[in-house]
Full PDB file with SEQRES, HELIX, SHEET, SSBOND, CRYST1, ORIGX, SCALE, CONECT and MASTER records, all heavy atoms in Angstrom:
SEQRES   1 A   35  PRO ARG GLN GLU THR VAL ARG LEU ASP LEU GLY VAL PRO          
SEQRES   2 A   35  SER ARG GLY ASP GLU LEU HIS ARG HIS ASN PRO MET GLN          
SEQRES   3 A   35  SER ARG GLN ARG GLY LEU LYS ALA ALA                          
HELIX    1 AA1 ASN A   23  MET A   25  5                                   3    
SHEET    1 AA1 2 GLU A   4  LEU A   8  0                                        
SHEET    2 AA1 2 GLN A  26  ARG A  30 -1                                        
CRYST1    1.000    1.000    1.000  90.00  90.00  90.00 P 1           1          
ORIGX1      1.000000  0.000000  0.000000        0.00000                         
ORIGX2      0.000000  1.000000  0.000000        0.00000                         
ORIGX3      0.000000  0.000000  1.000000        0.00000                         
SCALE1      1.000000  0.000000  0.000000        0.00000                         
SCALE2      0.000000  1.000000  0.000000        0.00000                         
SCALE3      0.000000  0.000000  1.000000        0.00000                         
ATOM      1  N   PRO A   1      -0.372   8.906 -20.482  1.00  0.00           N  
ATOM      2  CA  PRO A   1      -0.889   8.078 -19.386  1.00  0.00           C  
ATOM      3  C   PRO A   1      -1.357   8.921 -18.209  1.00  0.00           C  
ATOM      4  O   PRO A   1      -0.806   9.998 -17.948  1.00  0.00           O  
ATOM      5  CB  PRO A   1       0.312   7.209 -18.992  1.00  0.00           C  
ATOM      6  CG  PRO A   1       1.507   7.988 -19.431  1.00  0.00           C  
ATOM      7  CD  PRO A   1       1.083   8.745 -20.653  1.00  0.00           C  
ATOM      8  N   ARG A   2      -2.375   8.434 -17.537  1.00  0.00           N  
ATOM      9  CA  ARG A   2      -2.866   9.098 -16.331  1.00  0.00           C  
ATOM     10  C   ARG A   2      -2.013   8.642 -15.149  1.00  0.00           C  
ATOM     11  O   ARG A   2      -1.953   7.451 -14.841  1.00  0.00           O  
ATOM     12  CB  ARG A   2      -4.336   8.767 -16.096  1.00  0.00           C  
ATOM     13  CG  ARG A   2      -4.906   9.407 -14.838  1.00  0.00           C  
ATOM     14  CD  ARG A   2      -6.368   9.077 -14.664  1.00  0.00           C  
ATOM     15  NE  ARG A   2      -7.190   9.768 -15.664  1.00  0.00           N  
ATOM     16  CZ  ARG A   2      -8.517   9.650 -15.741  1.00  0.00           C  
ATOM     17  NH1 ARG A   2      -9.161   8.848 -14.899  1.00  0.00           N  
ATOM     18  NH2 ARG A   2      -9.180  10.308 -16.661  1.00  0.00           N  
ATOM     19  N   GLN A   3      -1.356   9.568 -14.496  1.00  0.00           N  
ATOM     20  CA  GLN A   3      -0.510   9.250 -13.351  1.00  0.00           C  
ATOM     21  C   GLN A   3      -1.366   9.194 -12.091  1.00  0.00           C  
ATOM     22  O   GLN A   3      -2.084  10.143 -11.776  1.00  0.00           O  
ATOM     23  CB  GLN A   3       0.603  10.280 -13.209  1.00  0.00           C  
ATOM     24  CG  GLN A   3       1.587  10.265 -14.374  1.00  0.00           C  
ATOM     25  CD  GLN A   3       2.737  11.226 -14.172  1.00  0.00           C  
ATOM     26  OE1 GLN A   3       2.644  12.188 -13.436  1.00  0.00           O  
ATOM     27  NE2 GLN A   3       3.842  10.964 -14.845  1.00  0.00           N  
ATOM     28  N   GLU A   4      -1.269   8.069 -11.373  1.00  0.00           N  
ATOM     29  CA  GLU A   4      -2.122   7.839 -10.211  1.00  0.00           C  
ATOM     30  C   GLU A   4      -1.354   7.106  -9.123  1.00  0.00           C  
ATOM     31  O   GLU A   4      -0.445   6.318  -9.410  1.00  0.00           O  
ATOM     32  CB  GLU A   4      -3.342   6.991 -10.597  1.00  0.00           C  
ATOM     33  CG  GLU A   4      -4.236   7.615 -11.642  1.00  0.00           C  
ATOM     34  CD  GLU A   4      -5.261   6.635 -12.172  1.00  0.00           C  
ATOM     35  OE1 GLU A   4      -4.894   5.477 -12.447  1.00  0.00           O  
ATOM     36  OE2 GLU A   4      -6.426   7.023 -12.319  1.00  0.00           O  
ATOM     37  N   THR A   5      -1.742   7.354  -7.883  1.00  0.00           N  
ATOM     38  CA  THR A   5      -1.309   6.542  -6.755  1.00  0.00           C  
ATOM     39  C   THR A   5      -2.505   5.697  -6.338  1.00  0.00           C  
ATOM     40  O   THR A   5      -3.584   6.231  -6.081  1.00  0.00           O  
ATOM     41  CB  THR A   5      -0.842   7.412  -5.581  1.00  0.00           C  
ATOM     42  OG1 THR A   5       0.284   8.197  -6.008  1.00  0.00           O  
ATOM     43  CG2 THR A   5      -0.418   6.537  -4.401  1.00  0.00           C  
ATOM     44  N   VAL A   6      -2.321   4.385  -6.316  1.00  0.00           N  
ATOM     45  CA  VAL A   6      -3.419   3.454  -6.051  1.00  0.00           C  
ATOM     46  C   VAL A   6      -3.142   2.736  -4.742  1.00  0.00           C  
ATOM     47  O   VAL A   6      -2.104   2.085  -4.590  1.00  0.00           O  
ATOM     48  CB  VAL A   6      -3.560   2.424  -7.194  1.00  0.00           C  
ATOM     49  CG1 VAL A   6      -4.731   1.485  -6.926  1.00  0.00           C  
ATOM     50  CG2 VAL A   6      -3.728   3.129  -8.532  1.00  0.00           C  
ATOM     51  N   ARG A   7      -4.071   2.858  -3.801  1.00  0.00           N  
ATOM     52  CA  ARG A   7      -3.919   2.174  -2.519  1.00  0.00           C  
ATOM     53  C   ARG A   7      -4.759   0.898  -2.532  1.00  0.00           C  
ATOM     54  O   ARG A   7      -5.968   0.943  -2.781  1.00  0.00           O  
ATOM     55  CB  ARG A   7      -4.352   3.076  -1.378  1.00  0.00           C  
ATOM     56  CG  ARG A   7      -4.165   2.452   0.002  1.00  0.00           C  
ATOM     57  CD  ARG A   7      -4.433   3.469   1.093  1.00  0.00           C  
ATOM     58  NE  ARG A   7      -3.510   4.598   0.988  1.00  0.00           N  
ATOM     59  CZ  ARG A   7      -3.613   5.699   1.730  1.00  0.00           C  
ATOM     60  NH1 ARG A   7      -4.595   5.821   2.614  1.00  0.00           N  
ATOM     61  NH2 ARG A   7      -2.745   6.682   1.591  1.00  0.00           N  
ATOM     62  N   LEU A   8      -4.120  -0.227  -2.262  1.00  0.00           N  
ATOM     63  CA  LEU A   8      -4.803  -1.517  -2.205  1.00  0.00           C  
ATOM     64  C   LEU A   8      -4.734  -2.036  -0.778  1.00  0.00           C  
ATOM     65  O   LEU A   8      -3.662  -2.425  -0.304  1.00  0.00           O  
ATOM     66  CB  LEU A   8      -4.129  -2.522  -3.153  1.00  0.00           C  
ATOM     67  CG  LEU A   8      -4.082  -2.150  -4.638  1.00  0.00           C  
ATOM     68  CD1 LEU A   8      -3.269  -3.166  -5.427  1.00  0.00           C  
ATOM     69  CD2 LEU A   8      -5.482  -2.051  -5.200  1.00  0.00           C  
ATOM     70  N   ASP A   9      -5.862  -2.038  -0.107  1.00  0.00           N  
ATOM     71  CA  ASP A   9      -5.934  -2.550   1.257  1.00  0.00           C  
ATOM     72  C   ASP A   9      -6.450  -3.985   1.192  1.00  0.00           C  
ATOM     73  O   ASP A   9      -7.650  -4.228   1.035  1.00  0.00           O  
ATOM     74  CB  ASP A   9      -6.866  -1.676   2.092  1.00  0.00           C  
ATOM     75  CG  ASP A   9      -6.854  -2.065   3.566  1.00  0.00           C  
ATOM     76  OD1 ASP A   9      -6.299  -3.136   3.893  1.00  0.00           O  
ATOM     77  OD2 ASP A   9      -7.407  -1.308   4.388  1.00  0.00           O  
ATOM     78  N   LEU A  10      -5.543  -4.946   1.303  1.00  0.00           N  
ATOM     79  CA  LEU A  10      -5.912  -6.347   1.154  1.00  0.00           C  
ATOM     80  C   LEU A  10      -6.663  -6.876   2.367  1.00  0.00           C  
ATOM     81  O   LEU A  10      -7.153  -8.011   2.340  1.00  0.00           O  
ATOM     82  CB  LEU A  10      -4.661  -7.196   0.908  1.00  0.00           C  
ATOM     83  CG  LEU A  10      -3.777  -6.755  -0.269  1.00  0.00           C  
ATOM     84  CD1 LEU A  10      -2.686  -7.787  -0.525  1.00  0.00           C  
ATOM     85  CD2 LEU A  10      -4.586  -6.513  -1.526  1.00  0.00           C  
ATOM     86  N   GLY A  11      -6.764  -6.085   3.416  1.00  0.00           N  
ATOM     87  CA  GLY A  11      -7.488  -6.526   4.604  1.00  0.00           C  
ATOM     88  C   GLY A  11      -8.985  -6.284   4.541  1.00  0.00           C  
ATOM     89  O   GLY A  11      -9.726  -6.773   5.398  1.00  0.00           O  
ATOM     90  N   VAL A  12      -9.463  -5.562   3.513  1.00  0.00           N  
ATOM     91  CA  VAL A  12     -10.903  -5.335   3.375  1.00  0.00           C  
ATOM     92  C   VAL A  12     -11.567  -6.638   2.955  1.00  0.00           C  
ATOM     93  O   VAL A  12     -11.172  -7.238   1.957  1.00  0.00           O  
ATOM     94  CB  VAL A  12     -11.185  -4.229   2.340  1.00  0.00           C  
ATOM     95  CG1 VAL A  12     -12.693  -4.067   2.122  1.00  0.00           C  
ATOM     96  CG2 VAL A  12     -10.568  -2.914   2.793  1.00  0.00           C  
ATOM     97  N   PRO A  13     -12.571  -7.116   3.691  1.00  0.00           N  
ATOM     98  CA  PRO A  13     -13.165  -8.427   3.390  1.00  0.00           C  
ATOM     99  C   PRO A  13     -13.819  -8.475   2.009  1.00  0.00           C  
ATOM    100  O   PRO A  13     -14.350  -7.477   1.509  1.00  0.00           O  
ATOM    101  CB  PRO A  13     -14.221  -8.605   4.491  1.00  0.00           C  
ATOM    102  CG  PRO A  13     -13.837  -7.643   5.565  1.00  0.00           C  
ATOM    103  CD  PRO A  13     -13.179  -6.492   4.874  1.00  0.00           C  
ATOM    104  N   SER A  14     -13.780  -9.663   1.419  1.00  0.00           N  
ATOM    105  CA  SER A  14     -14.466  -9.908   0.156  1.00  0.00           C  
ATOM    106  C   SER A  14     -15.952 -10.134   0.407  1.00  0.00           C  
ATOM    107  O   SER A  14     -16.362 -10.553   1.486  1.00  0.00           O  
ATOM    108  CB  SER A  14     -13.862 -11.144  -0.522  1.00  0.00           C  
ATOM    109  OG  SER A  14     -14.654 -11.564  -1.607  1.00  0.00           O  
ATOM    110  N   ARG A  15     -16.771  -9.884  -0.626  1.00  0.00           N  
ATOM    111  CA  ARG A  15     -18.215 -10.082  -0.492  1.00  0.00           C  
ATOM    112  C   ARG A  15     -18.627 -11.531  -0.736  1.00  0.00           C  
ATOM    113  O   ARG A  15     -19.803 -11.863  -0.617  1.00  0.00           O  
ATOM    114  CB  ARG A  15     -18.960  -9.190  -1.490  1.00  0.00           C  
ATOM    115  CG  ARG A  15     -18.776  -7.700  -1.225  1.00  0.00           C  
ATOM    116  CD  ARG A  15     -19.819  -6.895  -1.986  1.00  0.00           C  
ATOM    117  NE  ARG A  15     -19.809  -7.173  -3.409  1.00  0.00           N  
ATOM    118  CZ  ARG A  15     -19.084  -6.510  -4.294  1.00  0.00           C  
ATOM    119  NH1 ARG A  15     -18.270  -5.556  -3.887  1.00  0.00           N  
ATOM    120  NH2 ARG A  15     -19.156  -6.799  -5.563  1.00  0.00           N  
ATOM    121  N   GLY A  16     -17.692 -12.397  -1.109  1.00  0.00           N  
ATOM    122  CA  GLY A  16     -18.042 -13.791  -1.368  1.00  0.00           C  
ATOM    123  C   GLY A  16     -16.950 -14.489  -2.139  1.00  0.00           C  
ATOM    124  O   GLY A  16     -15.869 -13.929  -2.390  1.00  0.00           O  
ATOM    125  N   ASP A  17     -17.240 -15.735  -2.529  1.00  0.00           N  
ATOM    126  CA  ASP A  17     -16.249 -16.557  -3.204  1.00  0.00           C  
ATOM    127  C   ASP A  17     -16.337 -16.483  -4.721  1.00  0.00           C  
ATOM    128  O   ASP A  17     -15.557 -17.134  -5.421  1.00  0.00           O  
ATOM    129  CB  ASP A  17     -16.387 -18.022  -2.758  1.00  0.00           C  
ATOM    130  CG  ASP A  17     -16.028 -18.208  -1.290  1.00  0.00           C  
ATOM    131  OD1 ASP A  17     -15.223 -17.395  -0.792  1.00  0.00           O  
ATOM    132  OD2 ASP A  17     -16.552 -19.139  -0.662  1.00  0.00           O  
ATOM    133  N   GLU A  18     -17.305 -15.736  -5.256  1.00  0.00           N  
ATOM    134  CA  GLU A  18     -17.400 -15.550  -6.697  1.00  0.00           C  
ATOM    135  C   GLU A  18     -16.559 -14.342  -7.110  1.00  0.00           C  
ATOM    136  O   GLU A  18     -16.478 -13.352  -6.385  1.00  0.00           O  
ATOM    137  CB  GLU A  18     -18.855 -15.342  -7.118  1.00  0.00           C  
ATOM    138  CG  GLU A  18     -19.753 -16.549  -6.856  1.00  0.00           C  
ATOM    139  CD  GLU A  18     -19.357 -17.767  -7.672  1.00  0.00           C  
ATOM    140  OE1 GLU A  18     -18.952 -17.576  -8.841  1.00  0.00           O  
ATOM    141  OE2 GLU A  18     -19.435 -18.898  -7.141  1.00  0.00           O  
ATOM    142  N   LEU A  19     -15.952 -14.426  -8.284  1.00  0.00           N  
ATOM    143  CA  LEU A  19     -15.133 -13.328  -8.775  1.00  0.00           C  
ATOM    144  C   LEU A  19     -15.979 -12.064  -8.930  1.00  0.00           C  
ATOM    145  O   LEU A  19     -17.032 -12.083  -9.551  1.00  0.00           O  
ATOM    146  CB  LEU A  19     -14.511 -13.713 -10.122  1.00  0.00           C  
ATOM    147  CG  LEU A  19     -13.643 -12.643 -10.795  1.00  0.00           C  
ATOM    148  CD1 LEU A  19     -12.398 -12.369  -9.960  1.00  0.00           C  
ATOM    149  CD2 LEU A  19     -13.256 -13.077 -12.204  1.00  0.00           C  
ATOM    150  N   HIS A  20     -15.508 -10.961  -8.358  1.00  0.00           N  
ATOM    151  CA  HIS A  20     -16.261  -9.720  -8.449  1.00  0.00           C  
ATOM    152  C   HIS A  20     -15.323  -8.534  -8.312  1.00  0.00           C  
ATOM    153  O   HIS A  20     -14.228  -8.636  -7.753  1.00  0.00           O  
ATOM    154  CB  HIS A  20     -17.343  -9.651  -7.364  1.00  0.00           C  
ATOM    155  CG  HIS A  20     -16.798  -9.690  -5.967  1.00  0.00           C  
ATOM    156  ND1 HIS A  20     -16.447 -10.864  -5.327  1.00  0.00           N  
ATOM    157  CD2 HIS A  20     -16.525  -8.687  -5.086  1.00  0.00           C  
ATOM    158  CE1 HIS A  20     -15.997 -10.594  -4.118  1.00  0.00           C  
ATOM    159  NE2 HIS A  20     -16.024  -9.288  -3.950  1.00  0.00           N  
ATOM    160  N   ARG A  21     -15.784  -7.401  -8.848  1.00  0.00           N  
ATOM    161  CA  ARG A  21     -15.030  -6.166  -8.682  1.00  0.00           C  
ATOM    162  C   ARG A  21     -15.051  -5.782  -7.211  1.00  0.00           C  
ATOM    163  O   ARG A  21     -16.085  -5.865  -6.555  1.00  0.00           O  
ATOM    164  CB  ARG A  21     -15.657  -5.058  -9.536  1.00  0.00           C  
ATOM    165  CG  ARG A  21     -14.732  -3.878  -9.759  1.00  0.00           C  
ATOM    166  CD  ARG A  21     -15.389  -2.834 -10.636  1.00  0.00           C  
ATOM    167  NE  ARG A  21     -15.641  -3.304 -11.988  1.00  0.00           N  
ATOM    168  CZ  ARG A  21     -14.735  -3.330 -12.957  1.00  0.00           C  
ATOM    169  NH1 ARG A  21     -13.500  -2.919 -12.708  1.00  0.00           N  
ATOM    170  NH2 ARG A  21     -15.045  -3.759 -14.154  1.00  0.00           N  
ATOM    171  N   HIS A  22     -13.894  -5.359  -6.707  1.00  0.00           N  
ATOM    172  CA  HIS A  22     -13.758  -5.173  -5.263  1.00  0.00           C  
ATOM    173  C   HIS A  22     -13.239  -3.762  -4.989  1.00  0.00           C  
ATOM    174  O   HIS A  22     -12.165  -3.567  -4.433  1.00  0.00           O  
ATOM    175  CB  HIS A  22     -12.807  -6.231  -4.704  1.00  0.00           C  
ATOM    176  CG  HIS A  22     -12.875  -6.379  -3.216  1.00  0.00           C  
ATOM    177  ND1 HIS A  22     -14.032  -6.601  -2.530  1.00  0.00           N  
ATOM    178  CD2 HIS A  22     -11.885  -6.362  -2.286  1.00  0.00           C  
ATOM    179  CE1 HIS A  22     -13.775  -6.717  -1.231  1.00  0.00           C  
ATOM    180  NE2 HIS A  22     -12.484  -6.566  -1.057  1.00  0.00           N  
ATOM    181  N   ASN A  23     -14.013  -2.785  -5.394  1.00  0.00           N  
ATOM    182  CA  ASN A  23     -13.570  -1.400  -5.279  1.00  0.00           C  
ATOM    183  C   ASN A  23     -13.266  -0.925  -3.868  1.00  0.00           C  
ATOM    184  O   ASN A  23     -12.465  -0.012  -3.700  1.00  0.00           O  
ATOM    185  CB  ASN A  23     -14.601  -0.476  -5.926  1.00  0.00           C  
ATOM    186  CG  ASN A  23     -14.562  -0.547  -7.438  1.00  0.00           C  
ATOM    187  OD1 ASN A  23     -13.513  -0.809  -8.016  1.00  0.00           O  
ATOM    188  ND2 ASN A  23     -15.684  -0.338  -8.083  1.00  0.00           N  
ATOM    189  N   PRO A  24     -13.899  -1.468  -2.790  1.00  0.00           N  
ATOM    190  CA  PRO A  24     -13.562  -0.954  -1.456  1.00  0.00           C  
ATOM    191  C   PRO A  24     -12.080  -1.074  -1.111  1.00  0.00           C  
ATOM    192  O   PRO A  24     -11.592  -0.343  -0.257  1.00  0.00           O  
ATOM    193  CB  PRO A  24     -14.405  -1.840  -0.532  1.00  0.00           C  
ATOM    194  CG  PRO A  24     -15.571  -2.221  -1.366  1.00  0.00           C  
ATOM    195  CD  PRO A  24     -15.016  -2.405  -2.748  1.00  0.00           C  
ATOM    196  N   MET A  25     -11.363  -1.993  -1.746  1.00  0.00           N  
ATOM    197  CA  MET A  25      -9.944  -2.153  -1.427  1.00  0.00           C  
ATOM    198  C   MET A  25      -9.081  -1.188  -2.232  1.00  0.00           C  
ATOM    199  O   MET A  25      -7.874  -1.189  -2.111  1.00  0.00           O  
ATOM    200  CB  MET A  25      -9.499  -3.591  -1.693  1.00  0.00           C  
ATOM    201  CG  MET A  25      -9.564  -4.004  -3.149  1.00  0.00           C  
ATOM    202  SD  MET A  25      -9.260  -5.762  -3.427  1.00  0.00           S  
ATOM    203  CE  MET A  25      -7.489  -5.844  -3.355  1.00  0.00           C  
ATOM    204  N   GLN A  26      -9.712  -0.348  -3.039  1.00  0.00           N  
ATOM    205  CA  GLN A  26      -8.946   0.508  -3.930  1.00  0.00           C  
ATOM    206  C   GLN A  26      -9.245   1.974  -3.677  1.00  0.00           C  
ATOM    207  O   GLN A  26     -10.390   2.367  -3.533  1.00  0.00           O  
ATOM    208  CB  GLN A  26      -9.281   0.170  -5.375  1.00  0.00           C  
ATOM    209  CG  GLN A  26      -8.623   1.095  -6.390  1.00  0.00           C  
ATOM    210  CD  GLN A  26      -9.025   0.743  -7.799  1.00  0.00           C  
ATOM    211  OE1 GLN A  26      -9.292  -0.393  -8.111  1.00  0.00           O  
ATOM    212  NE2 GLN A  26      -9.066   1.731  -8.648  1.00  0.00           N  
ATOM    213  N   SER A  27      -8.219   2.781  -3.615  1.00  0.00           N  
ATOM    214  CA  SER A  27      -8.371   4.224  -3.516  1.00  0.00           C  
ATOM    215  C   SER A  27      -7.373   4.854  -4.466  1.00  0.00           C  
ATOM    216  O   SER A  27      -6.181   4.567  -4.391  1.00  0.00           O  
ATOM    217  CB  SER A  27      -8.113   4.699  -2.079  1.00  0.00           C  
ATOM    218  OG  SER A  27      -8.122   6.100  -2.011  1.00  0.00           O  
ATOM    219  N   ARG A  28      -7.863   5.699  -5.370  1.00  0.00           N  
ATOM    220  CA  ARG A  28      -6.990   6.320  -6.367  1.00  0.00           C  
ATOM    221  C   ARG A  28      -6.845   7.810  -6.089  1.00  0.00           C  
ATOM    222  O   ARG A  28      -7.810   8.484  -5.754  1.00  0.00           O  
ATOM    223  CB  ARG A  28      -7.555   6.143  -7.777  1.00  0.00           C  
ATOM    224  CG  ARG A  28      -7.501   4.725  -8.302  1.00  0.00           C  
ATOM    225  CD  ARG A  28      -7.989   4.673  -9.748  1.00  0.00           C  
ATOM    226  NE  ARG A  28      -7.963   3.316 -10.240  1.00  0.00           N  
ATOM    227  CZ  ARG A  28      -6.932   2.748 -10.833  1.00  0.00           C  
ATOM    228  NH1 ARG A  28      -5.818   3.429 -11.016  1.00  0.00           N  
ATOM    229  NH2 ARG A  28      -6.987   1.505 -11.264  1.00  0.00           N  
ATOM    230  N   GLN A  29      -5.640   8.297  -6.292  1.00  0.00           N  
ATOM    231  CA  GLN A  29      -5.378   9.728  -6.232  1.00  0.00           C  
ATOM    232  C   GLN A  29      -4.559  10.109  -7.447  1.00  0.00           C  
ATOM    233  O   GLN A  29      -3.661   9.364  -7.864  1.00  0.00           O  
ATOM    234  CB  GLN A  29      -4.627  10.101  -4.954  1.00  0.00           C  
ATOM    235  CG  GLN A  29      -5.411   9.867  -3.675  1.00  0.00           C  
ATOM    236  CD  GLN A  29      -4.624  10.269  -2.446  1.00  0.00           C  
ATOM    237  OE1 GLN A  29      -3.464  10.639  -2.531  1.00  0.00           O  
ATOM    238  NE2 GLN A  29      -5.272  10.207  -1.295  1.00  0.00           N  
ATOM    239  N   ARG A  30      -4.873  11.252  -8.035  1.00  0.00           N  
ATOM    240  CA  ARG A  30      -4.096  11.719  -9.181  1.00  0.00           C  
ATOM    241  C   ARG A  30      -2.674  12.046  -8.756  1.00  0.00           C  
ATOM    242  O   ARG A  30      -2.436  12.596  -7.688  1.00  0.00           O  
ATOM    243  CB  ARG A  30      -4.752  12.958  -9.793  1.00  0.00           C  
ATOM    244  CG  ARG A  30      -6.036  12.683 -10.558  1.00  0.00           C  
ATOM    245  CD  ARG A  30      -5.764  11.879 -11.820  1.00  0.00           C  
ATOM    246  NE  ARG A  30      -6.954  11.767 -12.636  1.00  0.00           N  
ATOM    247  CZ  ARG A  30      -7.238  12.563 -13.653  1.00  0.00           C  
ATOM    248  NH1 ARG A  30      -6.409  13.536 -13.975  1.00  0.00           N  
ATOM    249  NH2 ARG A  30      -8.340  12.397 -14.350  1.00  0.00           N  
ATOM    250  N   GLY A  31      -1.727  11.698  -9.593  1.00  0.00           N  
ATOM    251  CA  GLY A  31      -0.328  12.010  -9.346  1.00  0.00           C  
ATOM    252  C   GLY A  31       0.408  10.866  -8.668  1.00  0.00           C  
ATOM    253  O   GLY A  31      -0.186   9.956  -8.098  1.00  0.00           O  
ATOM    254  N   LEU A  32       1.730  10.908  -8.774  1.00  0.00           N  
ATOM    255  CA  LEU A  32       2.597   9.890  -8.180  1.00  0.00           C  
ATOM    256  C   LEU A  32       3.202  10.467  -6.907  1.00  0.00           C  
ATOM    257  O   LEU A  32       4.095  11.322  -6.958  1.00  0.00           O  
ATOM    258  CB  LEU A  32       3.703   9.494  -9.164  1.00  0.00           C  
ATOM    259  CG  LEU A  32       3.212   8.928 -10.502  1.00  0.00           C  
ATOM    260  CD1 LEU A  32       4.384   8.779 -11.472  1.00  0.00           C  
ATOM    261  CD2 LEU A  32       2.536   7.584 -10.297  1.00  0.00           C  
ATOM    262  N   LYS A  33       2.714  10.015  -5.770  1.00  0.00           N  
ATOM    263  CA  LYS A  33       3.207  10.533  -4.492  1.00  0.00           C  
ATOM    264  C   LYS A  33       4.583   9.943  -4.176  1.00  0.00           C  
ATOM    265  O   LYS A  33       4.816   8.760  -4.382  1.00  0.00           O  
ATOM    266  CB  LYS A  33       2.239  10.186  -3.366  1.00  0.00           C  
ATOM    267  CG  LYS A  33       0.868  10.837  -3.479  1.00  0.00           C  
ATOM    268  CD  LYS A  33       0.071  10.661  -2.214  1.00  0.00           C  
ATOM    269  CE  LYS A  33      -0.055   9.208  -1.818  1.00  0.00           C  
ATOM    270  NZ  LYS A  33      -0.865   9.030  -0.602  1.00  0.00           N  
ATOM    271  N   ALA A  34       5.442  10.769  -3.631  1.00  0.00           N  
ATOM    272  CA  ALA A  34       6.763  10.287  -3.241  1.00  0.00           C  
ATOM    273  C   ALA A  34       6.803   9.850  -1.782  1.00  0.00           C  
ATOM    274  O   ALA A  34       7.614   9.024  -1.399  1.00  0.00           O  
ATOM    275  CB  ALA A  34       7.808  11.374  -3.479  1.00  0.00           C  
ATOM    276  N   ALA A  35       5.923  10.404  -0.939  1.00  0.00           N  
ATOM    277  CA  ALA A  35       5.936  10.067   0.486  1.00  0.00           C  
ATOM    278  C   ALA A  35       5.459   8.641   0.706  1.00  0.00           C  
ATOM    279  O   ALA A  35       4.493   8.187   0.090  1.00  0.00           O  
ATOM    280  CB  ALA A  35       5.055  11.035   1.259  1.00  0.00           C  
TER     281      ALA A  35                                                      
MASTER        0    0    0    1    2    0    0    6  280    1    0    3          
END                                                                             
């Protein structure tokens, strides 16, 4: 498995009411951060 830390910022506005990929709310970094 690829180990990643994924940041989900739920405050980033959606582009609309239709289901869509919402990458601006996601930031991935390799590895599992402990901090």
